[in-house]
Amino acid sequence: MTPTTNSPARHRSLGDQTWQADAVCQSTEYKPVDPETFFPEPDETEKIAVAKALCGQCPVRRTCLDAALEGGDAHGIRGGLTEEERQPLHEKLPGRLDYSRVNDTIAGRDVHLTQAERRAVIYAAYRHGVTEQRLAWLLKVTEEHAKKKYRETRRALRNRDMKQRETATPLPETDGERPGRDDFGTAA
């Protein structure tokens, strides 16, 4: 089963790096931070503890973690997690289905989407009557590709409906007569 979330987080837009200005790890004149702190060797436990403590105070920690996962960044401490702690998240990322990202995309924001989230955007857009042109703009694809995705969605929904009808309880055979009261059995 695909893990889903519906968090109220504001997701960073494609190419947006402005969040980094709010990061605790950014060195300033009044708050010098050694960048090497965030790239410790696996056996440097004190350095790891210091980096994680700084990340724990960071207002953009979640955004930093998302950026590391979406960018495939496998080095250093990002979002309060070491490389080893992020590895399972990297592996699960393609299956992520965060409906807040889907809703942000439908609303017109350019956010990073996994394949599962892209499918959810297509389905939601289809169900809400979003035009093919708008879908193409939302997903940054051609109109022809958006039309193809809508055709696939229509076909999948039609096939799902047909399967549901096939598995529904059939009425008893009555040789063309209307089913009578006795044909339905009794309730316990």
N, C-alpha and C. Protein backbone atom coordinates (compact mmCIF):
# COMPACT_ATOMS: atom_id res chain seq x y z
N MET A 1 0.85 -1.18 0.00
CA MET A 1 0.00 0.00 0.00
C MET A 1 0.88 1.24 0.00
N THR A 2 0.52 2.24 -0.76
CA THR A 2 1.28 3.46 -0.87
C THR A 2 1.03 4.34 0.35
N PRO A 3 2.12 4.82 0.99
CA PRO A 3 1.91 5.71 2.13
C PRO A 3 1.37 7.05 1.66
N THR A 4 0.40 7.58 2.37
CA THR A 4 -0.17 8.86 2.00
C THR A 4 -0.13 9.80 3.19
N THR A 5 -0.04 11.07 2.88
CA THR A 5 -0.11 12.09 3.92
C THR A 5 -0.98 13.22 3.40
N ASN A 6 -1.41 14.04 4.27
CA ASN A 6 -2.18 15.21 3.88
C ASN A 6 -1.77 16.35 4.81
N SER A 7 -0.50 16.67 4.80
CA SER A 7 0.04 17.68 5.70
C SER A 7 -0.23 19.08 5.16
N PRO A 8 -0.35 20.06 6.04
CA PRO A 8 -0.62 21.42 5.61
C PRO A 8 0.64 22.18 5.21
N ALA A 9 1.76 21.49 5.07
CA ALA A 9 3.03 22.15 4.77
C ALA A 9 2.97 22.91 3.45
N ARG A 10 3.71 24.00 3.41
CA ARG A 10 3.85 24.73 2.15
C ARG A 10 5.08 24.18 1.47
N HIS A 11 4.90 23.63 0.29
CA HIS A 11 5.97 22.96 -0.40
C HIS A 11 6.75 23.94 -1.27
N ARG A 12 8.03 23.69 -1.38
CA ARG A 12 8.85 24.59 -2.18
C ARG A 12 8.54 24.38 -3.66
N SER A 13 8.63 25.45 -4.39
CA SER A 13 8.37 25.40 -5.82
C SER A 13 9.58 24.84 -6.53
N LEU A 14 9.38 24.41 -7.77
CA LEU A 14 10.49 23.91 -8.58
C LEU A 14 11.56 24.98 -8.69
N GLY A 15 12.79 24.62 -8.39
CA GLY A 15 13.92 25.54 -8.50
C GLY A 15 14.03 26.55 -7.38
N ASP A 16 13.13 26.54 -6.43
CA ASP A 16 13.15 27.51 -5.32
C ASP A 16 14.24 27.15 -4.32
N GLN A 17 15.16 28.06 -4.11
CA GLN A 17 16.23 27.88 -3.12
C GLN A 17 16.17 28.97 -2.05
N THR A 18 15.14 29.79 -2.06
CA THR A 18 15.06 30.90 -1.10
C THR A 18 14.95 30.43 0.33
N TRP A 19 14.46 29.21 0.54
CA TRP A 19 14.33 28.68 1.88
C TRP A 19 15.68 28.59 2.59
N GLN A 20 16.76 28.45 1.83
CA GLN A 20 18.09 28.30 2.42
C GLN A 20 18.50 29.51 3.25
N ALA A 21 17.97 30.67 2.94
CA ALA A 21 18.31 31.88 3.71
C ALA A 21 17.84 31.77 5.15
N ASP A 22 16.80 30.99 5.41
CA ASP A 22 16.26 30.82 6.76
C ASP A 22 16.87 29.64 7.51
N ALA A 23 17.77 28.91 6.86
CA ALA A 23 18.35 27.71 7.47
C ALA A 23 19.33 28.08 8.58
N VAL A 24 19.30 27.32 9.65
CA VAL A 24 20.20 27.54 10.79
C VAL A 24 21.65 27.28 10.40
N CYS A 25 21.87 26.43 9.42
CA CYS A 25 23.24 26.08 9.02
C CYS A 25 23.92 27.17 8.20
N GLN A 26 23.18 28.20 7.81
CA GLN A 26 23.78 29.30 7.04
C GLN A 26 24.60 30.18 7.95
N SER A 27 25.84 30.36 7.60
CA SER A 27 26.75 31.17 8.41
C SER A 27 26.50 32.65 8.14
N THR A 28 26.46 33.44 9.21
CA THR A 28 26.31 34.90 9.09
C THR A 28 27.43 35.56 9.88
N GLU A 29 27.47 36.86 9.79
CA GLU A 29 28.49 37.62 10.52
C GLU A 29 28.34 37.41 12.03
N TYR A 30 27.12 37.31 12.50
CA TYR A 30 26.87 37.18 13.93
C TYR A 30 26.76 35.73 14.40
N LYS A 31 26.60 34.83 13.45
CA LYS A 31 26.44 33.42 13.80
C LYS A 31 27.27 32.57 12.84
N PRO A 32 28.57 32.47 13.09
CA PRO A 32 29.39 31.66 12.18
C PRO A 32 29.11 30.16 12.39
N VAL A 33 28.92 29.45 11.29
CA VAL A 33 28.68 28.02 11.32
C VAL A 33 29.67 27.36 10.36
N ASP A 34 30.38 26.37 10.85
CA ASP A 34 31.34 25.64 10.02
C ASP A 34 30.58 24.64 9.16
N PRO A 35 30.62 24.78 7.84
CA PRO A 35 29.89 23.86 6.97
C PRO A 35 30.36 22.41 7.11
N GLU A 36 31.60 22.22 7.52
CA GLU A 36 32.13 20.87 7.69
C GLU A 36 31.38 20.10 8.78
N THR A 37 30.71 20.83 9.67
CA THR A 37 29.92 20.19 10.73
C THR A 37 28.87 19.27 10.13
N PHE A 38 28.37 19.61 8.97
CA PHE A 38 27.28 18.85 8.35
C PHE A 38 27.77 17.76 7.41
N PHE A 39 29.08 17.55 7.37
CA PHE A 39 29.66 16.50 6.54
C PHE A 39 30.66 15.67 7.35
N PRO A 40 30.17 15.08 8.46
CA PRO A 40 31.07 14.29 9.31
C PRO A 40 31.33 12.90 8.72
N GLU A 41 32.39 12.30 9.17
CA GLU A 41 32.66 10.90 8.85
C GLU A 41 31.72 10.05 9.71
N PRO A 42 31.44 8.82 9.32
CA PRO A 42 30.49 7.99 10.08
C PRO A 42 30.86 7.78 11.55
N ASP A 43 32.14 7.83 11.88
CA ASP A 43 32.55 7.59 13.27
C ASP A 43 32.70 8.87 14.08
N GLU A 44 32.41 10.02 13.51
CA GLU A 44 32.51 11.29 14.23
C GLU A 44 31.17 11.60 14.91
N THR A 45 30.88 10.90 15.97
CA THR A 45 29.59 10.99 16.64
C THR A 45 29.33 12.36 17.25
N GLU A 46 30.39 13.02 17.75
CA GLU A 46 30.19 14.36 18.34
C GLU A 46 29.77 15.35 17.26
N LYS A 47 30.41 15.29 16.13
CA LYS A 47 30.07 16.18 15.02
C LYS A 47 28.63 15.93 14.55
N ILE A 48 28.25 14.67 14.49
CA ILE A 48 26.89 14.30 14.09
C ILE A 48 25.88 14.86 15.08
N ALA A 49 26.19 14.73 16.37
CA ALA A 49 25.28 15.23 17.41
C ALA A 49 25.13 16.74 17.32
N VAL A 50 26.21 17.47 17.06
CA VAL A 50 26.16 18.93 16.94
C VAL A 50 25.31 19.31 15.72
N ALA A 51 25.53 18.65 14.60
CA ALA A 51 24.78 18.96 13.38
C ALA A 51 23.29 18.68 13.58
N LYS A 52 22.96 17.57 14.20
CA LYS A 52 21.55 17.24 14.44
C LYS A 52 20.91 18.21 15.42
N ALA A 53 21.68 18.69 16.39
CA ALA A 53 21.15 19.67 17.34
C ALA A 53 20.82 20.98 16.61
N LEU A 54 21.68 21.39 15.70
CA LEU A 54 21.41 22.60 14.91
C LEU A 54 20.18 22.39 14.03
N CYS A 55 20.10 21.24 13.40
CA CYS A 55 18.95 20.93 12.54
C CYS A 55 17.65 20.92 13.35
N GLY A 56 17.73 20.48 14.58
CA GLY A 56 16.55 20.43 15.43
C GLY A 56 15.96 21.80 15.70
N GLN A 57 16.76 22.86 15.56
CA GLN A 57 16.29 24.23 15.79
C GLN A 57 15.88 24.92 14.49
N CYS A 58 16.06 24.27 13.38
CA CYS A 58 15.90 24.90 12.07
C CYS A 58 14.44 25.01 11.65
N PRO A 59 14.00 26.22 11.25
CA PRO A 59 12.61 26.39 10.81
C PRO A 59 12.32 25.79 9.43
N VAL A 60 13.35 25.48 8.65
CA VAL A 60 13.14 24.93 7.30
C VAL A 60 13.66 23.49 7.21
N ARG A 61 13.66 22.81 8.31
CA ARG A 61 14.18 21.44 8.35
C ARG A 61 13.44 20.52 7.38
N ARG A 62 12.14 20.57 7.37
CA ARG A 62 11.34 19.71 6.49
C ARG A 62 11.63 20.02 5.02
N THR A 63 11.74 21.29 4.70
CA THR A 63 12.03 21.69 3.33
C THR A 63 13.41 21.21 2.92
N CYS A 64 14.37 21.30 3.84
CA CYS A 64 15.73 20.84 3.59
C CYS A 64 15.74 19.34 3.31
N LEU A 65 14.99 18.59 4.10
CA LEU A 65 14.91 17.14 3.90
C LEU A 65 14.26 16.82 2.56
N ASP A 66 13.17 17.51 2.24
CA ASP A 66 12.52 17.31 0.94
C ASP A 66 13.47 17.60 -0.21
N ALA A 67 14.21 18.70 -0.09
CA ALA A 67 15.15 19.07 -1.15
C ALA A 67 16.24 18.00 -1.31
N ALA A 68 16.72 17.46 -0.20
CA ALA A 68 17.74 16.41 -0.26
C ALA A 68 17.19 15.15 -0.91
N LEU A 69 15.96 14.78 -0.55
CA LEU A 69 15.36 13.57 -1.12
C LEU A 69 15.04 13.76 -2.60
N GLU A 70 14.43 14.88 -2.94
CA GLU A 70 14.03 15.12 -4.31
C GLU A 70 15.22 15.32 -5.23
N GLY A 71 16.31 15.86 -4.68
CA GLY A 71 17.52 16.09 -5.47
C GLY A 71 18.46 14.90 -5.47
N GLY A 72 18.12 13.85 -4.72
CA GLY A 72 18.97 12.67 -4.66
C GLY A 72 20.25 12.90 -3.88
N ASP A 73 20.25 13.92 -3.02
CA ASP A 73 21.45 14.26 -2.26
C ASP A 73 21.70 13.18 -1.21
N ALA A 74 22.83 12.48 -1.34
CA ALA A 74 23.13 11.37 -0.43
C ALA A 74 24.33 11.68 0.46
N HIS A 75 24.77 12.94 0.53
CA HIS A 75 25.95 13.27 1.32
C HIS A 75 25.61 14.25 2.43
N GLY A 76 26.23 14.03 3.59
CA GLY A 76 26.09 14.95 4.71
C GLY A 76 24.78 14.80 5.45
N ILE A 77 24.62 15.67 6.43
CA ILE A 77 23.40 15.70 7.23
C ILE A 77 22.49 16.75 6.64
N ARG A 78 21.30 16.32 6.26
CA ARG A 78 20.30 17.21 5.66
C ARG A 78 18.98 16.95 6.34
N GLY A 79 18.28 17.99 6.71
CA GLY A 79 16.97 17.85 7.34
C GLY A 79 17.04 17.10 8.66
N GLY A 80 18.19 17.12 9.31
CA GLY A 80 18.35 16.46 10.60
C GLY A 80 18.62 14.98 10.51
N LEU A 81 18.85 14.46 9.32
CA LEU A 81 19.11 13.03 9.15
C LEU A 81 20.46 12.79 8.48
N THR A 82 21.12 11.74 8.91
CA THR A 82 22.39 11.35 8.29
C THR A 82 22.11 10.65 6.97
N GLU A 83 23.18 10.39 6.24
CA GLU A 83 23.05 9.69 4.95
C GLU A 83 22.36 8.34 5.13
N GLU A 84 22.76 7.61 6.17
CA GLU A 84 22.19 6.29 6.42
C GLU A 84 20.72 6.37 6.82
N GLU A 85 20.35 7.41 7.55
CA GLU A 85 18.95 7.57 7.97
C GLU A 85 18.06 8.00 6.81
N ARG A 86 18.63 8.70 5.84
CA ARG A 86 17.86 9.13 4.67
C ARG A 86 17.70 8.03 3.63
N GLN A 87 18.57 7.04 3.63
CA GLN A 87 18.56 6.00 2.61
C GLN A 87 17.20 5.33 2.44
N PRO A 88 16.53 4.89 3.52
CA PRO A 88 15.20 4.27 3.33
C PRO A 88 14.19 5.25 2.74
N LEU A 89 14.33 6.53 3.08
CA LEU A 89 13.40 7.54 2.54
C LEU A 89 13.65 7.73 1.05
N HIS A 90 14.93 7.70 0.63
CA HIS A 90 15.26 7.79 -0.79
C HIS A 90 14.60 6.64 -1.56
N GLU A 91 14.64 5.45 -0.97
CA GLU A 91 14.08 4.28 -1.64
C GLU A 91 12.56 4.35 -1.73
N LYS A 92 11.91 4.95 -0.75
CA LYS A 92 10.45 5.02 -0.72
C LYS A 92 9.90 6.23 -1.48
N LEU A 93 10.74 7.18 -1.84
CA LEU A 93 10.28 8.43 -2.44
C LEU A 93 9.40 8.25 -3.67
N PRO A 94 9.73 7.35 -4.61
CA PRO A 94 8.87 7.24 -5.79
C PRO A 94 7.42 6.88 -5.47
N GLY A 95 7.18 6.21 -4.35
CA GLY A 95 5.83 5.82 -3.99
C GLY A 95 5.11 6.82 -3.11
N ARG A 96 5.77 7.94 -2.78
CA ARG A 96 5.15 8.94 -1.89
C ARG A 96 3.89 9.48 -2.55
N LEU A 97 2.84 9.60 -1.75
CA LEU A 97 1.59 10.19 -2.23
C LEU A 97 1.11 11.16 -1.17
N ASP A 98 1.49 12.41 -1.33
CA ASP A 98 1.15 13.46 -0.38
C ASP A 98 0.07 14.33 -1.04
N TYR A 99 -1.15 14.23 -0.54
CA TYR A 99 -2.26 14.94 -1.17
C TYR A 99 -2.13 16.45 -1.07
N SER A 100 -1.37 16.95 -0.11
CA SER A 100 -1.17 18.40 -0.06
C SER A 100 -0.36 18.85 -1.27
N ARG A 101 0.56 18.03 -1.75
CA ARG A 101 1.32 18.34 -2.97
C ARG A 101 0.39 18.28 -4.19
N VAL A 102 -0.49 17.28 -4.21
CA VAL A 102 -1.45 17.16 -5.31
C VAL A 102 -2.35 18.40 -5.34
N ASN A 103 -2.87 18.79 -4.18
CA ASN A 103 -3.75 19.95 -4.11
C ASN A 103 -3.01 21.23 -4.50
N ASP A 104 -1.76 21.38 -4.06
CA ASP A 104 -0.98 22.55 -4.46
C ASP A 104 -0.80 22.61 -5.97
N THR A 105 -0.56 21.46 -6.58
CA THR A 105 -0.38 21.42 -8.03
C THR A 105 -1.67 21.80 -8.75
N ILE A 106 -2.80 21.23 -8.31
CA ILE A 106 -4.09 21.57 -8.92
C ILE A 106 -4.36 23.06 -8.78
N ALA A 107 -3.90 23.65 -7.66
CA ALA A 107 -4.10 25.09 -7.44
C ALA A 107 -3.15 25.94 -8.27
N GLY A 108 -2.21 25.30 -8.98
CA GLY A 108 -1.34 26.04 -9.88
C GLY A 108 0.08 26.26 -9.40
N ARG A 109 0.47 25.67 -8.28
CA ARG A 109 1.85 25.82 -7.79
C ARG A 109 2.74 24.78 -8.44
N ASP A 110 3.98 25.16 -8.72
CA ASP A 110 4.96 24.25 -9.31
C ASP A 110 5.71 23.55 -8.19
N VAL A 111 5.25 22.38 -7.77
CA VAL A 111 5.93 21.65 -6.71
C VAL A 111 6.49 20.35 -7.26
N HIS A 112 7.46 19.81 -6.57
CA HIS A 112 8.04 18.53 -6.95
C HIS A 112 7.01 17.43 -6.72
N LEU A 113 6.84 16.57 -7.70
CA LEU A 113 5.87 15.48 -7.60
C LEU A 113 6.55 14.14 -7.90
N THR A 114 6.13 13.12 -7.17
CA THR A 114 6.55 11.76 -7.49
C THR A 114 5.63 11.23 -8.58
N GLN A 115 5.93 10.05 -9.10
CA GLN A 115 5.06 9.47 -10.12
C GLN A 115 3.66 9.20 -9.56
N ALA A 116 3.60 8.75 -8.30
CA ALA A 116 2.29 8.50 -7.68
C ALA A 116 1.49 9.80 -7.56
N GLU A 117 2.18 10.88 -7.21
CA GLU A 117 1.50 12.17 -7.08
C GLU A 117 1.07 12.70 -8.44
N ARG A 118 1.88 12.47 -9.48
CA ARG A 118 1.50 12.89 -10.83
C ARG A 118 0.23 12.16 -11.27
N ARG A 119 0.16 10.85 -10.99
CA ARG A 119 -1.05 10.10 -11.34
C ARG A 119 -2.26 10.65 -10.58
N ALA A 120 -2.06 11.00 -9.32
CA ALA A 120 -3.16 11.55 -8.52
C ALA A 120 -3.61 12.90 -9.06
N VAL A 121 -2.67 13.72 -9.54
CA VAL A 121 -3.02 15.01 -10.14
C VAL A 121 -3.86 14.79 -11.38
N ILE A 122 -3.47 13.84 -12.21
CA ILE A 122 -4.22 13.55 -13.43
C ILE A 122 -5.63 13.11 -13.09
N TYR A 123 -5.76 12.20 -12.14
CA TYR A 123 -7.08 11.70 -11.74
C TYR A 123 -7.93 12.83 -11.16
N ALA A 124 -7.35 13.63 -10.26
CA ALA A 124 -8.11 14.72 -9.64
C ALA A 124 -8.51 15.76 -10.69
N ALA A 125 -7.62 16.08 -11.59
CA ALA A 125 -7.93 17.04 -12.64
C ALA A 125 -9.06 16.51 -13.52
N TYR A 126 -9.00 15.24 -13.87
CA TYR A 126 -10.05 14.64 -14.69
C TYR A 126 -11.40 14.69 -13.98
N ARG A 127 -11.40 14.30 -12.70
CA ARG A 127 -12.65 14.27 -11.92
C ARG A 127 -13.23 15.67 -11.71
N HIS A 128 -12.37 16.69 -11.69
CA HIS A 128 -12.84 18.05 -11.45
C HIS A 128 -13.07 18.83 -12.75
N GLY A 129 -12.93 18.17 -13.88
CA GLY A 129 -13.20 18.81 -15.16
C GLY A 129 -12.16 19.82 -15.60
N VAL A 130 -10.93 19.65 -15.15
CA VAL A 130 -9.85 20.54 -15.57
C VAL A 130 -9.57 20.27 -17.05
N THR A 131 -9.42 21.31 -17.83
CA THR A 131 -9.19 21.14 -19.27
C THR A 131 -7.84 20.48 -19.53
N GLU A 132 -7.73 19.89 -20.71
CA GLU A 132 -6.47 19.25 -21.11
C GLU A 132 -5.35 20.28 -21.20
N GLN A 133 -5.71 21.49 -21.64
CA GLN A 133 -4.70 22.55 -21.74
C GLN A 133 -4.16 22.91 -20.35
N ARG A 134 -5.04 23.02 -19.39
CA ARG A 134 -4.64 23.35 -18.02
C ARG A 134 -3.81 22.21 -17.41
N LEU A 135 -4.22 20.96 -17.65
CA LEU A 135 -3.45 19.82 -17.16
C LEU A 135 -2.04 19.84 -17.75
N ALA A 136 -1.95 20.13 -19.03
CA ALA A 136 -0.64 20.20 -19.68
C ALA A 136 0.22 21.26 -19.01
N TRP A 137 -0.37 22.40 -18.70
CA TRP A 137 0.37 23.47 -18.03
C TRP A 137 0.78 23.06 -16.62
N LEU A 138 -0.12 22.40 -15.89
CA LEU A 138 0.17 21.99 -14.51
C LEU A 138 1.32 21.00 -14.44
N LEU A 139 1.34 20.05 -15.38
CA LEU A 139 2.35 19.00 -15.35
C LEU A 139 3.57 19.30 -16.22
N LYS A 140 3.54 20.42 -16.90
CA LYS A 140 4.65 20.82 -17.78
C LYS A 140 4.87 19.77 -18.88
N VAL A 141 3.75 19.39 -19.52
CA VAL A 141 3.79 18.44 -20.64
C VAL A 141 3.05 19.06 -21.82
N THR A 142 3.10 18.39 -22.95
CA THR A 142 2.38 18.89 -24.12
C THR A 142 0.88 18.60 -23.96
N GLU A 143 0.09 19.34 -24.72
CA GLU A 143 -1.36 19.10 -24.70
C GLU A 143 -1.68 17.70 -25.21
N GLU A 144 -0.93 17.23 -26.18
CA GLU A 144 -1.14 15.88 -26.71
C GLU A 144 -0.91 14.84 -25.62
N HIS A 145 0.12 15.04 -24.82
CA HIS A 145 0.40 14.11 -23.72
C HIS A 145 -0.72 14.18 -22.67
N ALA A 146 -1.21 15.38 -22.39
CA ALA A 146 -2.32 15.53 -21.43
C ALA A 146 -3.57 14.82 -21.96
N LYS A 147 -3.84 14.93 -23.25
CA LYS A 147 -4.98 14.23 -23.84
C LYS A 147 -4.81 12.72 -23.68
N LYS A 148 -3.60 12.24 -23.92
CA LYS A 148 -3.31 10.81 -23.76
C LYS A 148 -3.56 10.37 -22.32
N LYS A 149 -3.13 11.16 -21.37
CA LYS A 149 -3.32 10.81 -19.95
C LYS A 149 -4.80 10.78 -19.59
N TYR A 150 -5.57 11.72 -20.12
CA TYR A 150 -7.02 11.72 -19.88
C TYR A 150 -7.67 10.48 -20.51
N ARG A 151 -7.23 10.10 -21.74
CA ARG A 151 -7.78 8.88 -22.37
C ARG A 151 -7.48 7.66 -21.51
N GLU A 152 -6.25 7.57 -21.00
CA GLU A 152 -5.87 6.44 -20.13
C GLU A 152 -6.72 6.44 -18.86
N THR A 153 -6.96 7.61 -18.31
CA THR A 153 -7.77 7.72 -17.09
C THR A 153 -9.20 7.29 -17.36
N ARG A 154 -9.78 7.77 -18.47
CA ARG A 154 -11.15 7.37 -18.84
C ARG A 154 -11.24 5.86 -18.99
N ARG A 155 -10.25 5.27 -19.68
CA ARG A 155 -10.25 3.84 -19.91
C ARG A 155 -10.13 3.08 -18.59
N ALA A 156 -9.25 3.53 -17.70
CA ALA A 156 -9.07 2.86 -16.40
C ALA A 156 -10.34 2.94 -15.57
N LEU A 157 -11.00 4.09 -15.57
CA LEU A 157 -12.25 4.23 -14.81
C LEU A 157 -13.35 3.36 -15.41
N ARG A 158 -13.43 3.32 -16.74
CA ARG A 158 -14.43 2.49 -17.39
C ARG A 158 -14.19 1.01 -17.07
N ASN A 159 -12.95 0.57 -17.14
CA ASN A 159 -12.62 -0.83 -16.83
C ASN A 159 -12.91 -1.15 -15.37
N ARG A 160 -12.63 -0.21 -14.48
CA ARG A 160 -12.92 -0.42 -13.06
C ARG A 160 -14.42 -0.56 -12.85
N ASP A 161 -15.21 0.29 -13.51
CA ASP A 161 -16.66 0.21 -13.38
C ASP A 161 -17.20 -1.11 -13.93
N MET A 162 -16.61 -1.58 -15.04
CA MET A 162 -17.06 -2.83 -15.63
C MET A 162 -16.75 -4.00 -14.69
N LYS A 163 -15.59 -3.99 -14.07
CA LYS A 163 -15.23 -5.05 -13.13
C LYS A 163 -16.15 -5.04 -11.92
N GLN A 164 -16.53 -3.85 -11.46
CA GLN A 164 -17.44 -3.77 -10.33
C GLN A 164 -18.80 -4.35 -10.68
N ARG A 165 -19.27 -4.09 -11.90
CA ARG A 165 -20.55 -4.64 -12.32
C ARG A 165 -20.50 -6.16 -12.43
N GLU A 166 -19.38 -6.69 -12.90
CA GLU A 166 -19.23 -8.13 -13.05
C GLU A 166 -19.22 -8.83 -11.70
N THR A 167 -18.67 -8.20 -10.70
CA THR A 167 -18.58 -8.83 -9.38
C THR A 167 -19.82 -8.59 -8.53
N ALA A 168 -20.73 -7.74 -9.01
CA ALA A 168 -21.98 -7.51 -8.27
C ALA A 168 -22.80 -8.79 -8.27
N THR A 169 -23.60 -8.98 -7.25
CA THR A 169 -24.43 -10.18 -7.13
C THR A 169 -25.46 -10.21 -8.25
N PRO A 170 -25.43 -11.27 -9.08
CA PRO A 170 -26.40 -11.33 -10.18
C PRO A 170 -27.79 -11.71 -9.64
N LEU A 171 -28.80 -11.25 -10.35
CA LEU A 171 -30.18 -11.61 -10.00
C LEU A 171 -30.41 -13.07 -10.38
N PRO A 172 -31.26 -13.76 -9.66
CA PRO A 172 -31.51 -15.17 -9.98
C PRO A 172 -32.16 -15.32 -11.36
N GLU A 173 -31.87 -16.44 -12.02
CA GLU A 173 -32.45 -16.74 -13.33
C GLU A 173 -33.95 -17.00 -13.16
N THR A 174 -34.79 -16.40 -14.02
CA THR A 174 -36.24 -16.56 -13.87
C THR A 174 -36.95 -16.85 -15.18
N ASP A 175 -36.25 -17.26 -16.22
CA ASP A 175 -36.85 -17.57 -17.51
C ASP A 175 -37.67 -16.42 -18.07
N GLY A 176 -37.15 -15.20 -17.95
CA GLY A 176 -37.83 -14.04 -18.50
C GLY A 176 -38.91 -13.46 -17.62
N GLU A 177 -39.28 -14.14 -16.53
CA GLU A 177 -40.30 -13.60 -15.64
C GLU A 177 -39.67 -12.63 -14.67
N ARG A 178 -40.51 -11.78 -14.12
CA ARG A 178 -40.04 -10.87 -13.07
C ARG A 178 -39.71 -11.67 -11.83
N PRO A 179 -38.61 -11.36 -11.16
CA PRO A 179 -38.29 -12.08 -9.93
C PRO A 179 -39.37 -11.83 -8.88
N GLY A 180 -39.74 -12.89 -8.20
CA GLY A 180 -40.73 -12.78 -7.14
C GLY A 180 -40.05 -12.64 -5.79
N ARG A 181 -40.89 -12.50 -4.78
CA ARG A 181 -40.41 -12.31 -3.42
C ARG A 181 -39.56 -13.49 -2.95
N ASP A 182 -39.94 -14.69 -3.33
CA ASP A 182 -39.23 -15.89 -2.89
C ASP A 182 -37.86 -16.03 -3.56
N ASP A 183 -37.65 -15.36 -4.67
CA ASP A 183 -36.40 -15.49 -5.39
C ASP A 183 -35.23 -14.80 -4.68
N PHE A 184 -35.50 -13.93 -3.72
CA PHE A 184 -34.45 -13.16 -3.07
C PHE A 184 -34.01 -13.74 -1.75
N GLY A 185 -34.65 -14.78 -1.27
CA GLY A 185 -34.27 -15.37 0.01
C GLY A 185 -34.85 -14.57 1.17
N THR A 186 -34.50 -14.95 2.36
CA THR A 186 -35.02 -14.26 3.53
C THR A 186 -33.90 -13.67 4.34
N ALA A 187 -34.22 -12.62 5.04
CA ALA A 187 -33.22 -11.99 5.91
C ALA A 187 -33.26 -12.70 7.25
N ALA A 188 -32.12 -12.86 7.88
CA ALA A 188 -32.07 -13.56 9.16
C ALA A 188 -32.51 -12.69 10.28
